[in-house]
Amino acid sequence: MSLQYVIDKERRLVILTGSGRLTFDEVRENQDQLLRDPELSPDFDQLVDLAAVTIYDVTMDEAKTIARRAVFSPTSRRALVAPDPATYGLARLMQTHRELAQVQAVASVFYDRNEALEWLGRR
């Protein structure tokens, strides 16, 4: 599986790391796992690190579905780390889909993991 998450209860942070080929089914399964995980509080913040993802096997419609699904509360902060321009563009597109669907979220996309952690207040 190319997606793994860690729930850091002390820091109130979910860290999701992707690598290799990323598929729609893996993202959906990961979201489902998080929703079932008793350690998760929906008001935790999230760091999504896509630095090691090499291939995105996700259609535009699937990206919309992923973006519009609410796993965290509207007050949670979500930082996506996308160090290359293509990944950054895809992350921004998904952020726009969330906004268009009026899914309340505080999210931002970063080229650098340290900047993302600083924005989350977790450095």
PDB file of N, CA and C in Angstrom:
ATOM      1  N   MET A   1       0.850  -1.186   0.000  1.00  0.00           N
ATOM      2  CA  MET A   1       0.000   0.000   0.000  1.00  0.00           C
ATOM      3  C   MET A   1       0.891   1.244   0.000  1.00  0.00           C
ATOM      4  N   SER A   2       0.519   2.218  -0.737  1.00  0.00           N
ATOM      5  CA  SER A   2       1.340   3.416  -0.864  1.00  0.00           C
ATOM      6  C   SER A   2       0.926   4.540   0.082  1.00  0.00           C
ATOM      7  N   LEU A   3      -0.077   4.296   0.913  1.00  0.00           N
ATOM      8  CA  LEU A   3      -0.513   5.308   1.887  1.00  0.00           C
ATOM      9  C   LEU A   3      -0.470   4.727   3.298  1.00  0.00           C
ATOM     10  N   GLN A   4       0.116   5.499   4.198  1.00  0.00           N
ATOM     11  CA  GLN A   4       0.138   5.093   5.599  1.00  0.00           C
ATOM     12  C   GLN A   4      -0.093   6.328   6.456  1.00  0.00           C
ATOM     13  N   TYR A   5      -0.760   6.125   7.576  1.00  0.00           N
ATOM     14  CA  TYR A   5      -0.951   7.257   8.478  1.00  0.00           C
ATOM     15  C   TYR A   5      -0.542   6.875   9.894  1.00  0.00           C
ATOM     16  N   VAL A   6      -0.203   7.919  10.638  1.00  0.00           N
ATOM     17  CA  VAL A   6       0.118   7.807  12.053  1.00  0.00           C
ATOM     18  C   VAL A   6      -0.707   8.864  12.764  1.00  0.00           C
ATOM     19  N   ILE A   7      -1.339   8.465  13.847  1.00  0.00           N
ATOM     20  CA  ILE A   7      -2.085   9.420  14.662  1.00  0.00           C
ATOM     21  C   ILE A   7      -1.245   9.749  15.890  1.00  0.00           C
ATOM     22  N   ASP A   8      -0.861  11.008  15.982  1.00  0.00           N
ATOM     23  CA  ASP A   8      -0.085  11.502  17.113  1.00  0.00           C
ATOM     24  C   ASP A   8      -1.063  12.232  18.034  1.00  0.00           C
ATOM     25  N   LYS A   9      -1.599  11.480  19.007  1.00  0.00           N
ATOM     26  CA  LYS A   9      -2.627  12.037  19.893  1.00  0.00           C
ATOM     27  C   LYS A   9      -2.104  13.195  20.728  1.00  0.00           C
ATOM     28  N   GLU A  10      -0.843  13.099  21.144  1.00  0.00           N
ATOM     29  CA  GLU A  10      -0.267  14.154  21.978  1.00  0.00           C
ATOM     30  C   GLU A  10      -0.216  15.480  21.222  1.00  0.00           C
ATOM     31  N   ARG A  11       0.157  15.432  19.943  1.00  0.00           N
ATOM     32  CA  ARG A  11       0.245  16.643  19.121  1.00  0.00           C
ATOM     33  C   ARG A  11      -1.071  16.954  18.407  1.00  0.00           C
ATOM     34  N   ARG A  12      -2.065  16.055  18.547  1.00  0.00           N
ATOM     35  CA  ARG A  12      -3.375  16.205  17.909  1.00  0.00           C
ATOM     36  C   ARG A  12      -3.207  16.367  16.394  1.00  0.00           C
ATOM     37  N   LEU A  13      -2.433  15.425  15.830  1.00  0.00           N
ATOM     38  CA  LEU A  13      -2.041  15.508  14.431  1.00  0.00           C
ATOM     39  C   LEU A  13      -2.067  14.128  13.780  1.00  0.00           C
ATOM     40  N   VAL A  14      -2.631  14.077  12.579  1.00  0.00           N
ATOM     41  CA  VAL A  14      -2.594  12.866  11.764  1.00  0.00           C
ATOM     42  C   VAL A  14      -1.606  13.128  10.639  1.00  0.00           C
ATOM     43  N   ILE A  15      -0.604  12.251  10.533  1.00  0.00           N
ATOM     44  CA  ILE A  15       0.402  12.380   9.488  1.00  0.00           C
ATOM     45  C   ILE A  15       0.177  11.274   8.476  1.00  0.00           C
ATOM     46  N   LEU A  16      -0.164  11.673   7.255  1.00  0.00           N
ATOM     47  CA  LEU A  16      -0.405  10.745   6.157  1.00  0.00           C
ATOM     48  C   LEU A  16       0.764  10.857   5.189  1.00  0.00           C
ATOM     49  N   THR A  17       1.361   9.709   4.860  1.00  0.00           N
ATOM     50  CA  THR A  17       2.499   9.696   3.956  1.00  0.00           C
ATOM     51  C   THR A  17       2.190   8.795   2.775  1.00  0.00           C
ATOM     52  N   GLY A  18       2.422   9.315   1.578  1.00  0.00           N
ATOM     53  CA  GLY A  18       2.217   8.537   0.365  1.00  0.00           C
ATOM     54  C   GLY A  18       3.544   8.240  -0.301  1.00  0.00           C
ATOM     55  N   SER A  19       3.587   7.122  -1.038  1.00  0.00           N
ATOM     56  CA  SER A  19       4.784   6.787  -1.799  1.00  0.00           C
ATOM     57  C   SER A  19       4.413   5.930  -2.997  1.00  0.00           C
ATOM     58  N   GLY A  20       5.256   5.982  -4.011  1.00  0.00           N
ATOM     59  CA  GLY A  20       5.039   5.152  -5.195  1.00  0.00           C
ATOM     60  C   GLY A  20       3.790   5.558  -5.958  1.00  0.00           C
ATOM     61  N   ARG A  21       3.051   4.547  -6.399  1.00  0.00           N
ATOM     62  CA  ARG A  21       1.814   4.756  -7.169  1.00  0.00           C
ATOM     63  C   ARG A  21       0.646   4.968  -6.211  1.00  0.00           C
ATOM     64  N   LEU A  22      -0.085   6.038  -6.409  1.00  0.00           N
ATOM     65  CA  LEU A  22      -1.232   6.367  -5.573  1.00  0.00           C
ATOM     66  C   LEU A  22      -2.501   6.174  -6.388  1.00  0.00           C
ATOM     67  N   THR A  23      -3.426   5.340  -5.883  1.00  0.00           N
ATOM     68  CA  THR A  23      -4.667   5.081  -6.608  1.00  0.00           C
ATOM     69  C   THR A  23      -5.867   5.606  -5.833  1.00  0.00           C
ATOM     70  N   PHE A  24      -6.946   5.805  -6.551  1.00  0.00           N
ATOM     71  CA  PHE A  24      -8.200   6.255  -5.950  1.00  0.00           C
ATOM     72  C   PHE A  24      -8.656   5.280  -4.867  1.00  0.00           C
ATOM     73  N   ASP A  25      -8.605   3.978  -5.172  1.00  0.00           N
ATOM     74  CA  ASP A  25      -9.059   2.974  -4.206  1.00  0.00           C
ATOM     75  C   ASP A  25      -8.252   3.039  -2.908  1.00  0.00           C
ATOM     76  N   GLU A  26      -6.944   3.270  -3.010  1.00  0.00           N
ATOM     77  CA  GLU A  26      -6.119   3.379  -1.815  1.00  0.00           C
ATOM     78  C   GLU A  26      -6.488   4.608  -0.990  1.00  0.00           C
ATOM     79  N   VAL A  27      -6.741   5.708  -1.654  1.00  0.00           N
ATOM     80  CA  VAL A  27      -7.113   6.927  -0.936  1.00  0.00           C
ATOM     81  C   VAL A  27      -8.448   6.718  -0.226  1.00  0.00           C
ATOM     82  N   ARG A  28      -9.420   6.148  -0.929  1.00  0.00           N
ATOM     83  CA  ARG A  28     -10.738   5.898  -0.306  1.00  0.00           C
ATOM     84  C   ARG A  28     -10.621   4.945   0.872  1.00  0.00           C
ATOM     85  N   GLU A  29      -9.837   3.883   0.708  1.00  0.00           N
ATOM     86  CA  GLU A  29      -9.654   2.926   1.804  1.00  0.00           C
ATOM     87  C   GLU A  29      -8.969   3.595   2.986  1.00  0.00           C
ATOM     88  N   ASN A  30      -8.016   4.457   2.720  1.00  0.00           N
ATOM     89  CA  ASN A  30      -7.335   5.176   3.786  1.00  0.00           C
ATOM     90  C   ASN A  30      -8.310   6.078   4.533  1.00  0.00           C
ATOM     91  N   GLN A  31      -9.169   6.786   3.789  1.00  0.00           N
ATOM     92  CA  GLN A  31     -10.183   7.629   4.429  1.00  0.00           C
ATOM     93  C   GLN A  31     -11.124   6.774   5.284  1.00  0.00           C
ATOM     94  N   ASP A  32     -11.538   5.631   4.755  1.00  0.00           N
ATOM     95  CA  ASP A  32     -12.415   4.728   5.508  1.00  0.00           C
ATOM     96  C   ASP A  32     -11.739   4.233   6.782  1.00  0.00           C
ATOM     97  N   GLN A  33     -10.454   3.867   6.673  1.00  0.00           N
ATOM     98  CA  GLN A  33      -9.702   3.413   7.845  1.00  0.00           C
ATOM     99  C   GLN A  33      -9.654   4.494   8.914  1.00  0.00           C
ATOM    100  N   LEU A  34      -9.363   5.716   8.493  1.00  0.00           N
ATOM    101  CA  LEU A  34      -9.314   6.820   9.447  1.00  0.00           C
ATOM    102  C   LEU A  34     -10.646   7.008  10.158  1.00  0.00           C
ATOM    103  N   LEU A  35     -11.720   6.955   9.396  1.00  0.00           N
ATOM    104  CA  LEU A  35     -13.044   7.144   9.989  1.00  0.00           C
ATOM    105  C   LEU A  35     -13.387   6.048  10.997  1.00  0.00           C
ATOM    106  N   ARG A  36     -12.846   4.856  10.807  1.00  0.00           N
ATOM    107  CA  ARG A  36     -13.095   3.740  11.732  1.00  0.00           C
ATOM    108  C   ARG A  36     -12.110   3.698  12.897  1.00  0.00           C
ATOM    109  N   ASP A  37     -11.026   4.423  12.815  1.00  0.00           N
ATOM    110  CA  ASP A  37      -9.964   4.335  13.814  1.00  0.00           C
ATOM    111  C   ASP A  37     -10.404   5.011  15.117  1.00  0.00           C
ATOM    112  N   PRO A  38     -10.446   4.262  16.218  1.00  0.00           N
ATOM    113  CA  PRO A  38     -10.891   4.847  17.482  1.00  0.00           C
ATOM    114  C   PRO A  38      -9.923   5.887  18.045  1.00  0.00           C
ATOM    115  N   GLU A  39      -8.700   5.920  17.556  1.00  0.00           N
ATOM    116  CA  GLU A  39      -7.713   6.897  18.015  1.00  0.00           C
ATOM    117  C   GLU A  39      -7.932   8.281  17.395  1.00  0.00           C
ATOM    118  N   LEU A  40      -8.696   8.340  16.306  1.00  0.00           N
ATOM    119  CA  LEU A  40      -8.905   9.597  15.588  1.00  0.00           C
ATOM    120  C   LEU A  40      -9.966  10.461  16.262  1.00  0.00           C
ATOM    121  N   SER A  41      -9.621  11.702  16.438  1.00  0.00           N
ATOM    122  CA  SER A  41     -10.606  12.704  16.809  1.00  0.00           C
ATOM    123  C   SER A  41     -10.765  13.590  15.579  1.00  0.00           C
ATOM    124  N   PRO A  42     -11.982  13.833  15.109  1.00  0.00           N
ATOM    125  CA  PRO A  42     -12.173  14.611  13.888  1.00  0.00           C
ATOM    126  C   PRO A  42     -11.622  16.029  13.951  1.00  0.00           C
ATOM    127  N   ASP A  43     -11.352  16.531  15.168  1.00  0.00           N
ATOM    128  CA  ASP A  43     -10.821  17.891  15.259  1.00  0.00           C
ATOM    129  C   ASP A  43      -9.286  17.930  15.267  1.00  0.00           C
ATOM    130  N   PHE A  44      -8.634  16.788  15.066  1.00  0.00           N
ATOM    131  CA  PHE A  44      -7.177  16.787  14.890  1.00  0.00           C
ATOM    132  C   PHE A  44      -6.839  17.489  13.584  1.00  0.00           C
ATOM    133  N   ASP A  45      -5.621  17.988  13.498  1.00  0.00           N
ATOM    134  CA  ASP A  45      -5.115  18.538  12.243  1.00  0.00           C
ATOM    135  C   ASP A  45      -4.473  17.404  11.436  1.00  0.00           C
ATOM    136  N   GLN A  46      -4.166  17.689  10.172  1.00  0.00           N
ATOM    137  CA  GLN A  46      -3.591  16.661   9.311  1.00  0.00           C
ATOM    138  C   GLN A  46      -2.450  17.218   8.474  1.00  0.00           C
ATOM    139  N   LEU A  47      -1.378  16.430   8.382  1.00  0.00           N
ATOM    140  CA  LEU A  47      -0.271  16.702   7.486  1.00  0.00           C
ATOM    141  C   LEU A  47      -0.269  15.597   6.447  1.00  0.00           C
ATOM    142  N   VAL A  48      -0.411  15.951   5.172  1.00  0.00           N
ATOM    143  CA  VAL A  48      -0.391  14.985   4.077  1.00  0.00           C
ATOM    144  C   VAL A  48       0.899  15.211   3.308  1.00  0.00           C
ATOM    145  N   ASP A  49       1.799  14.232   3.361  1.00  0.00           N
ATOM    146  CA  ASP A  49       3.094  14.353   2.707  1.00  0.00           C
ATOM    147  C   ASP A  49       3.109  13.493   1.445  1.00  0.00           C
ATOM    148  N   LEU A  50       3.093  14.157   0.288  1.00  0.00           N
ATOM    149  CA  LEU A  50       3.054  13.475  -1.002  1.00  0.00           C
ATOM    150  C   LEU A  50       4.415  13.492  -1.700  1.00  0.00           C
ATOM    151  N   ALA A  51       5.468  13.798  -0.970  1.00  0.00           N
ATOM    152  CA  ALA A  51       6.797  13.959  -1.561  1.00  0.00           C
ATOM    153  C   ALA A  51       7.299  12.703  -2.268  1.00  0.00           C
ATOM    154  N   ALA A  52       6.958  11.528  -1.775  1.00  0.00           N
ATOM    155  CA  ALA A  52       7.479  10.288  -2.345  1.00  0.00           C
ATOM    156  C   ALA A  52       6.523   9.625  -3.342  1.00  0.00           C
ATOM    157  N   VAL A  53       5.404  10.285  -3.658  1.00  0.00           N
ATOM    158  CA  VAL A  53       4.471   9.727  -4.647  1.00  0.00           C
ATOM    159  C   VAL A  53       5.047   9.990  -6.036  1.00  0.00           C
ATOM    160  N   THR A  54       5.097   8.922  -6.842  1.00  0.00           N
ATOM    161  CA  THR A  54       5.682   9.035  -8.186  1.00  0.00           C
ATOM    162  C   THR A  54       4.644   8.997  -9.296  1.00  0.00           C
ATOM    163  N   ILE A  55       3.515   8.333  -9.044  1.00  0.00           N
ATOM    164  CA  ILE A  55       2.465   8.210 -10.062  1.00  0.00           C
ATOM    165  C   ILE A  55       1.107   8.395  -9.394  1.00  0.00           C
ATOM    166  N   TYR A  56       0.266   9.215 -10.013  1.00  0.00           N
ATOM    167  CA  TYR A  56      -1.104   9.411  -9.538  1.00  0.00           C
ATOM    168  C   TYR A  56      -2.042   8.704 -10.504  1.00  0.00           C
ATOM    169  N   ASP A  57      -2.682   7.658 -10.027  1.00  0.00           N
ATOM    170  CA  ASP A  57      -3.638   6.904 -10.831  1.00  0.00           C
ATOM    171  C   ASP A  57      -5.036   7.280 -10.348  1.00  0.00           C
ATOM    172  N   VAL A  58      -5.384   8.553 -10.557  1.00  0.00           N
ATOM    173  CA  VAL A  58      -6.637   9.130 -10.080  1.00  0.00           C
ATOM    174  C   VAL A  58      -7.200  10.013 -11.190  1.00  0.00           C
ATOM    175  N   THR A  59      -8.459   9.784 -11.572  1.00  0.00           N
ATOM    176  CA  THR A  59      -9.092  10.624 -12.588  1.00  0.00           C
ATOM    177  C   THR A  59      -9.560  11.925 -11.955  1.00  0.00           C
ATOM    178  N   MET A  60      -9.946  12.883 -12.773  1.00  0.00           N
ATOM    179  CA  MET A  60     -10.448  14.159 -12.248  1.00  0.00           C
ATOM    180  C   MET A  60     -11.722  13.953 -11.428  1.00  0.00           C
ATOM    181  N   ASP A  61     -12.622  13.093 -11.897  1.00  0.00           N
ATOM    182  CA  ASP A  61     -13.846  12.828 -11.136  1.00  0.00           C
ATOM    183  C   ASP A  61     -13.527  12.175  -9.791  1.00  0.00           C
ATOM    184  N   GLU A  62     -12.551  11.267  -9.789  1.00  0.00           N
ATOM    185  CA  GLU A  62     -12.152  10.627  -8.535  1.00  0.00           C
ATOM    186  C   GLU A  62     -11.509  11.640  -7.597  1.00  0.00           C
ATOM    187  N   ALA A  63     -10.713  12.558  -8.147  1.00  0.00           N
ATOM    188  CA  ALA A  63     -10.096  13.603  -7.334  1.00  0.00           C
ATOM    189  C   ALA A  63     -11.177  14.473  -6.675  1.00  0.00           C
ATOM    190  N   LYS A  64     -12.244  14.776  -7.415  1.00  0.00           N
ATOM    191  CA  LYS A  64     -13.361  15.539  -6.848  1.00  0.00           C
ATOM    192  C   LYS A  64     -13.998  14.781  -5.681  1.00  0.00           C
ATOM    193  N   THR A  65     -14.202  13.484  -5.875  1.00  0.00           N
ATOM    194  CA  THR A  65     -14.815  12.656  -4.834  1.00  0.00           C
ATOM    195  C   THR A  65     -13.962  12.662  -3.576  1.00  0.00           C
ATOM    196  N   ILE A  66     -12.662  12.491  -3.750  1.00  0.00           N
ATOM    197  CA  ILE A  66     -11.742  12.494  -2.606  1.00  0.00           C
ATOM    198  C   ILE A  66     -11.789  13.845  -1.903  1.00  0.00           C
ATOM    199  N   ALA A  67     -11.729  14.903  -2.678  1.00  0.00           N
ATOM    200  CA  ALA A  67     -11.660  16.252  -2.115  1.00  0.00           C
ATOM    201  C   ALA A  67     -12.925  16.633  -1.361  1.00  0.00           C
ATOM    202  N   ARG A  68     -14.040  16.129  -1.780  1.00  0.00           N
ATOM    203  CA  ARG A  68     -15.315  16.534  -1.183  1.00  0.00           C
ATOM    204  C   ARG A  68     -15.711  15.700   0.027  1.00  0.00           C
ATOM    205  N   ARG A  69     -14.969  14.664   0.304  1.00  0.00           N
ATOM    206  CA  ARG A  69     -15.303  13.800   1.428  1.00  0.00           C
ATOM    207  C   ARG A  69     -14.723  14.387   2.718  1.00  0.00           C
ATOM    208  N   ALA A  70     -15.565  14.594   3.689  1.00  0.00           N
ATOM    209  CA  ALA A  70     -15.145  15.201   4.956  1.00  0.00           C
ATOM    210  C   ALA A  70     -14.767  14.111   5.951  1.00  0.00           C
ATOM    211  N   VAL A  71     -13.498  14.067   6.312  1.00  0.00           N
ATOM    212  CA  VAL A  71     -13.014  13.146   7.335  1.00  0.00           C
ATOM    213  C   VAL A  71     -12.750  13.915   8.630  1.00  0.00           C
ATOM    214  N   PHE A  72     -12.322  15.156   8.478  1.00  0.00           N
ATOM    215  CA  PHE A  72     -11.978  15.995   9.620  1.00  0.00           C
ATOM    216  C   PHE A  72     -13.022  17.094   9.797  1.00  0.00           C
ATOM    217  N   SER A  73     -13.012  17.721  10.966  1.00  0.00           N
ATOM    218  CA  SER A  73     -13.978  18.781  11.246  1.00  0.00           C
ATOM    219  C   SER A  73     -13.646  20.040  10.444  1.00  0.00           C
ATOM    220  N   PRO A  74     -14.616  20.939  10.285  1.00  0.00           N
ATOM    221  CA  PRO A  74     -14.369  22.183   9.536  1.00  0.00           C
ATOM    222  C   PRO A  74     -13.294  23.072  10.165  1.00  0.00           C
ATOM    223  N   THR A  75     -13.012  22.894  11.448  1.00  0.00           N
ATOM    224  CA  THR A  75     -11.997  23.722  12.097  1.00  0.00           C
ATOM    225  C   THR A  75     -10.599  23.106  12.047  1.00  0.00           C
ATOM    226  N   SER A  76     -10.496  21.872  11.611  1.00  0.00           N
ATOM    227  CA  SER A  76      -9.188  21.221  11.500  1.00  0.00           C
ATOM    228  C   SER A  76      -8.374  21.886  10.404  1.00  0.00           C
ATOM    229  N   ARG A  77      -7.072  21.920  10.617  1.00  0.00           N
ATOM    230  CA  ARG A  77      -6.163  22.472   9.610  1.00  0.00           C
ATOM    231  C   ARG A  77      -5.516  21.303   8.879  1.00  0.00           C
ATOM    232  N   ARG A  78      -5.453  21.423   7.539  1.00  0.00           N
ATOM    233  CA  ARG A  78      -4.865  20.369   6.718  1.00  0.00           C
ATOM    234  C   ARG A  78      -3.778  20.978   5.852  1.00  0.00           C
ATOM    235  N   ALA A  79      -2.566  20.470   6.016  1.00  0.00           N
ATOM    236  CA  ALA A  79      -1.428  20.940   5.229  1.00  0.00           C
ATOM    237  C   ALA A  79      -0.985  19.806   4.302  1.00  0.00           C
ATOM    238  N   LEU A  80      -0.903  20.106   3.012  1.00  0.00           N
ATOM    239  CA  LEU A  80      -0.450  19.136   2.030  1.00  0.00           C
ATOM    240  C   LEU A  80       0.938  19.528   1.548  1.00  0.00           C
ATOM    241  N   VAL A  81       1.863  18.574   1.594  1.00  0.00           N
ATOM    242  CA  VAL A  81       3.220  18.799   1.130  1.00  0.00           C
ATOM    243  C   VAL A  81       3.329  18.198  -0.264  1.00  0.00           C
ATOM    244  N   ALA A  82       3.604  19.063  -1.228  1.00  0.00           N
ATOM    245  CA  ALA A  82       3.679  18.669  -2.638  1.00  0.00           C
ATOM    246  C   ALA A  82       4.903  19.351  -3.249  1.00  0.00           C
ATOM    247  N   PRO A  83       6.078  18.712  -3.195  1.00  0.00           N
ATOM    248  CA  PRO A  83       7.310  19.398  -3.565  1.00  0.00           C
ATOM    249  C   PRO A  83       7.556  19.592  -5.063  1.00  0.00           C
ATOM    250  N   ASP A  84       6.822  18.888  -5.901  1.00  0.00           N
ATOM    251  CA  ASP A  84       7.036  19.117  -7.338  1.00  0.00           C
ATOM    252  C   ASP A  84       5.821  19.829  -7.924  1.00  0.00           C
ATOM    253  N   PRO A  85       6.005  20.562  -9.028  1.00  0.00           N
ATOM    254  CA  PRO A  85       4.922  21.386  -9.581  1.00  0.00           C
ATOM    255  C   PRO A  85       3.660  20.606  -9.958  1.00  0.00           C
ATOM    256  N   ALA A  86       3.799  19.403 -10.494  1.00  0.00           N
ATOM    257  CA  ALA A  86       2.609  18.633 -10.890  1.00  0.00           C
ATOM    258  C   ALA A  86       1.784  18.234  -9.668  1.00  0.00           C
ATOM    259  N   THR A  87       2.454  17.763  -8.628  1.00  0.00           N
ATOM    260  CA  THR A  87       1.758  17.380  -7.401  1.00  0.00           C
ATOM    261  C   THR A  87       1.143  18.602  -6.727  1.00  0.00           C
ATOM    262  N   TYR A  88       1.873  19.688  -6.720  1.00  0.00           N
ATOM    263  CA  TYR A  88       1.366  20.935  -6.148  1.00  0.00           C
ATOM    264  C   TYR A  88       0.091  21.358  -6.874  1.00  0.00           C
ATOM    265  N   GLY A  89       0.104  21.310  -8.195  1.00  0.00           N
ATOM    266  CA  GLY A  89      -1.069  21.678  -8.989  1.00  0.00           C
ATOM    267  C   GLY A  89      -2.261  20.781  -8.699  1.00  0.00           C
ATOM    268  N   LEU A  90      -2.026  19.477  -8.589  1.00  0.00           N
ATOM    269  CA  LEU A  90      -3.106  18.538  -8.277  1.00  0.00           C
ATOM    270  C   LEU A  90      -3.683  18.827  -6.892  1.00  0.00           C
ATOM    271  N   ALA A  91      -2.813  19.096  -5.922  1.00  0.00           N
ATOM    272  CA  ALA A  91      -3.285  19.398  -4.566  1.00  0.00           C
ATOM    273  C   ALA A  91      -4.112  20.684  -4.545  1.00  0.00           C
ATOM    274  N   ARG A  92      -3.674  21.691  -5.267  1.00  0.00           N
ATOM    275  CA  ARG A  92      -4.434  22.950  -5.335  1.00  0.00           C
ATOM    276  C   ARG A  92      -5.782  22.728  -6.023  1.00  0.00           C
ATOM    277  N   LEU A  93      -5.804  21.890  -7.061  1.00  0.00           N
ATOM    278  CA  LEU A  93      -7.054  21.573  -7.748  1.00  0.00           C
ATOM    279  C   LEU A  93      -8.034  20.914  -6.787  1.00  0.00           C
ATOM    280  N   MET A  94      -7.548  19.975  -5.985  1.00  0.00           N
ATOM    281  CA  MET A  94      -8.417  19.304  -5.020  1.00  0.00           C
ATOM    282  C   MET A  94      -8.908  20.286  -3.963  1.00  0.00           C
ATOM    283  N   GLN A  95      -8.050  21.202  -3.558  1.00  0.00           N
ATOM    284  CA  GLN A  95      -8.463  22.233  -2.595  1.00  0.00           C
ATOM    285  C   GLN A  95      -9.586  23.088  -3.189  1.00  0.00           C
ATOM    286  N   THR A  96      -9.469  23.429  -4.453  1.00  0.00           N
ATOM    287  CA  THR A  96     -10.498  24.214  -5.132  1.00  0.00           C
ATOM    288  C   THR A  96     -11.818  23.446  -5.204  1.00  0.00           C
ATOM    289  N   HIS A  97     -11.756  22.136  -5.470  1.00  0.00           N
ATOM    290  CA  HIS A  97     -12.981  21.321  -5.504  1.00  0.00           C
ATOM    291  C   HIS A  97     -13.680  21.326  -4.143  1.00  0.00           C
ATOM    292  N   ARG A  98     -12.915  21.275  -3.068  1.00  0.00           N
ATOM    293  CA  ARG A  98     -13.514  21.335  -1.730  1.00  0.00           C
ATOM    294  C   ARG A  98     -14.230  22.664  -1.530  1.00  0.00           C
ATOM    295  N   GLU A  99     -13.579  23.740  -1.956  1.00  0.00           N
ATOM    296  CA  GLU A  99     -14.178  25.062  -1.797  1.00  0.00           C
ATOM    297  C   GLU A  99     -15.441  25.201  -2.631  1.00  0.00           C
ATOM    298  N   LEU A 100     -15.415  24.701  -3.865  1.00  0.00           N
ATOM    299  CA  LEU A 100     -16.592  24.779  -4.740  1.00  0.00           C
ATOM    300  C   LEU A 100     -17.750  23.954  -4.194  1.00  0.00           C
ATOM    301  N   ALA A 101     -17.442  22.851  -3.542  1.00  0.00           N
ATOM    302  CA  ALA A 101     -18.483  22.002  -2.961  1.00  0.00           C
ATOM    303  C   ALA A 101     -18.941  22.542  -1.612  1.00  0.00           C
ATOM    304  N   GLN A 102     -18.344  23.660  -1.196  1.00  0.00           N
ATOM    305  CA  GLN A 102     -18.657  24.300   0.074  1.00  0.00           C
ATOM    306  C   GLN A 102     -18.415  23.368   1.258  1.00  0.00           C
ATOM    307  N   VAL A 103     -17.377  22.516   1.119  1.00  0.00           N
ATOM    308  CA  VAL A 103     -16.921  21.701   2.232  1.00  0.00           C
ATOM    309  C   VAL A 103     -15.993  22.595   3.042  1.00  0.00           C
ATOM    310  N   GLN A 104     -16.431  22.925   4.235  1.00  0.00           N
ATOM    311  CA  GLN A 104     -15.638  23.835   5.052  1.00  0.00           C
ATOM    312  C   GLN A 104     -14.357  23.145   5.486  1.00  0.00           C
ATOM    313  N   ALA A 105     -13.248  23.792   5.230  1.00  0.00           N
ATOM    314  CA  ALA A 105     -11.953  23.260   5.626  1.00  0.00           C
ATOM    315  C   ALA A 105     -10.929  24.379   5.612  1.00  0.00           C
ATOM    316  N   VAL A 106      -9.972  24.258   6.508  1.00  0.00           N
ATOM    317  CA  VAL A 106      -8.847  25.177   6.527  1.00  0.00           C
ATOM    318  C   VAL A 106      -7.673  24.366   5.990  1.00  0.00           C
ATOM    319  N   ALA A 107      -7.297  24.629   4.742  1.00  0.00           N
ATOM    320  CA  ALA A 107      -6.256  23.825   4.104  1.00  0.00           C
ATOM    321  C   ALA A 107      -5.315  24.710   3.300  1.00  0.00           C
ATOM    322  N   SER A 108      -4.078  24.232   3.196  1.00  0.00           N
ATOM    323  CA  SER A 108      -3.106  24.937   2.393  1.00  0.00           C
ATOM    324  C   SER A 108      -2.110  23.923   1.833  1.00  0.00           C
ATOM    325  N   VAL A 109      -1.491  24.283   0.714  1.00  0.00           N
ATOM    326  CA  VAL A 109      -0.543  23.412   0.031  1.00  0.00           C
ATOM    327  C   VAL A 109       0.845  24.047   0.110  1.00  0.00           C
ATOM    328  N   PHE A 110       1.843  23.217   0.369  1.00  0.00           N
ATOM    329  CA  PHE A 110       3.209  23.699   0.555  1.00  0.00           C
ATOM    330  C   PHE A 110       4.184  22.863  -0.266  1.00  0.00           C
ATOM    331  N   TYR A 111       5.247  23.502  -0.708  1.00  0.00           N
ATOM    332  CA  TYR A 111       6.331  22.784  -1.368  1.00  0.00           C
ATOM    333  C   TYR A 111       7.241  22.101  -0.346  1.00  0.00           C
ATOM    334  N   ASP A 112       7.259  22.608   0.886  1.00  0.00           N
ATOM    335  CA  ASP A 112       8.223  22.186   1.891  1.00  0.00           C
ATOM    336  C   ASP A 112       7.514  21.675   3.149  1.00  0.00           C
ATOM    337  N   ARG A 113       7.959  20.521   3.661  1.00  0.00           N
ATOM    338  CA  ARG A 113       7.347  19.916   4.844  1.00  0.00           C
ATOM    339  C   ARG A 113       7.508  20.805   6.082  1.00  0.00           C
ATOM    340  N   ASN A 114       8.674  21.414   6.254  1.00  0.00           N
ATOM    341  CA  ASN A 114       8.883  22.273   7.424  1.00  0.00           C
ATOM    342  C   ASN A 114       7.942  23.477   7.414  1.00  0.00           C
ATOM    343  N   GLU A 115       7.712  24.054   6.241  1.00  0.00           N
ATOM    344  CA  GLU A 115       6.760  25.163   6.144  1.00  0.00           C
ATOM    345  C   GLU A 115       5.355  24.699   6.508  1.00  0.00           C
ATOM    346  N   ALA A 116       4.991  23.490   6.069  1.00  0.00           N
ATOM    347  CA  ALA A 116       3.668  22.945   6.386  1.00  0.00           C
ATOM    348  C   ALA A 116       3.514  22.736   7.891  1.00  0.00           C
ATOM    349  N   LEU A 117       4.541  22.172   8.514  1.00  0.00           N
ATOM    350  CA  LEU A 117       4.490  21.966   9.965  1.00  0.00           C
ATOM    351  C   LEU A 117       4.434  23.287  10.722  1.00  0.00           C
ATOM    352  N   GLU A 118       5.168  24.268  10.233  1.00  0.00           N
ATOM    353  CA  GLU A 118       5.127  25.593  10.871  1.00  0.00           C
ATOM    354  C   GLU A 118       3.722  26.185  10.763  1.00  0.00           C
ATOM    355  N   TRP A 119       3.087  26.084   9.585  1.00  0.00           N
ATOM    356  CA  TRP A 119       1.732  26.588   9.372  1.00  0.00           C
ATOM    357  C   TRP A 119       0.747  25.881  10.321  1.00  0.00           C
ATOM    358  N   LEU A 120       0.999  24.586  10.567  1.00  0.00           N
ATOM    359  CA  LEU A 120       0.146  23.830  11.494  1.00  0.00           C
ATOM    360  C   LEU A 120       0.472  24.134  12.953  1.00  0.00           C
ATOM    361  N   GLY A 121       1.552  24.856  13.188  1.00  0.00           N
ATOM    362  CA  GLY A 121       1.968  25.147  14.551  1.00  0.00           C
ATOM    363  C   GLY A 121       2.587  23.944  15.235  1.00  0.00           C
ATOM    364  N   ARG A 122       3.243  23.077  14.458  1.00  0.00           N
ATOM    365  CA  ARG A 122       3.783  21.825  14.990  1.00  0.00           C
ATOM    366  C   ARG A 122       5.283  21.654  14.756  1.00  0.00           C
ATOM    367  N   ARG A 123       6.033  22.705  14.625  1.00  0.00           N
ATOM    368  CA  ARG A 123       7.479  22.570  14.382  1.00  0.00           C
ATOM    369  C   ARG A 123       8.255  22.217  15.576  1.00  0.00           C
TER     370      ARG A 123
END
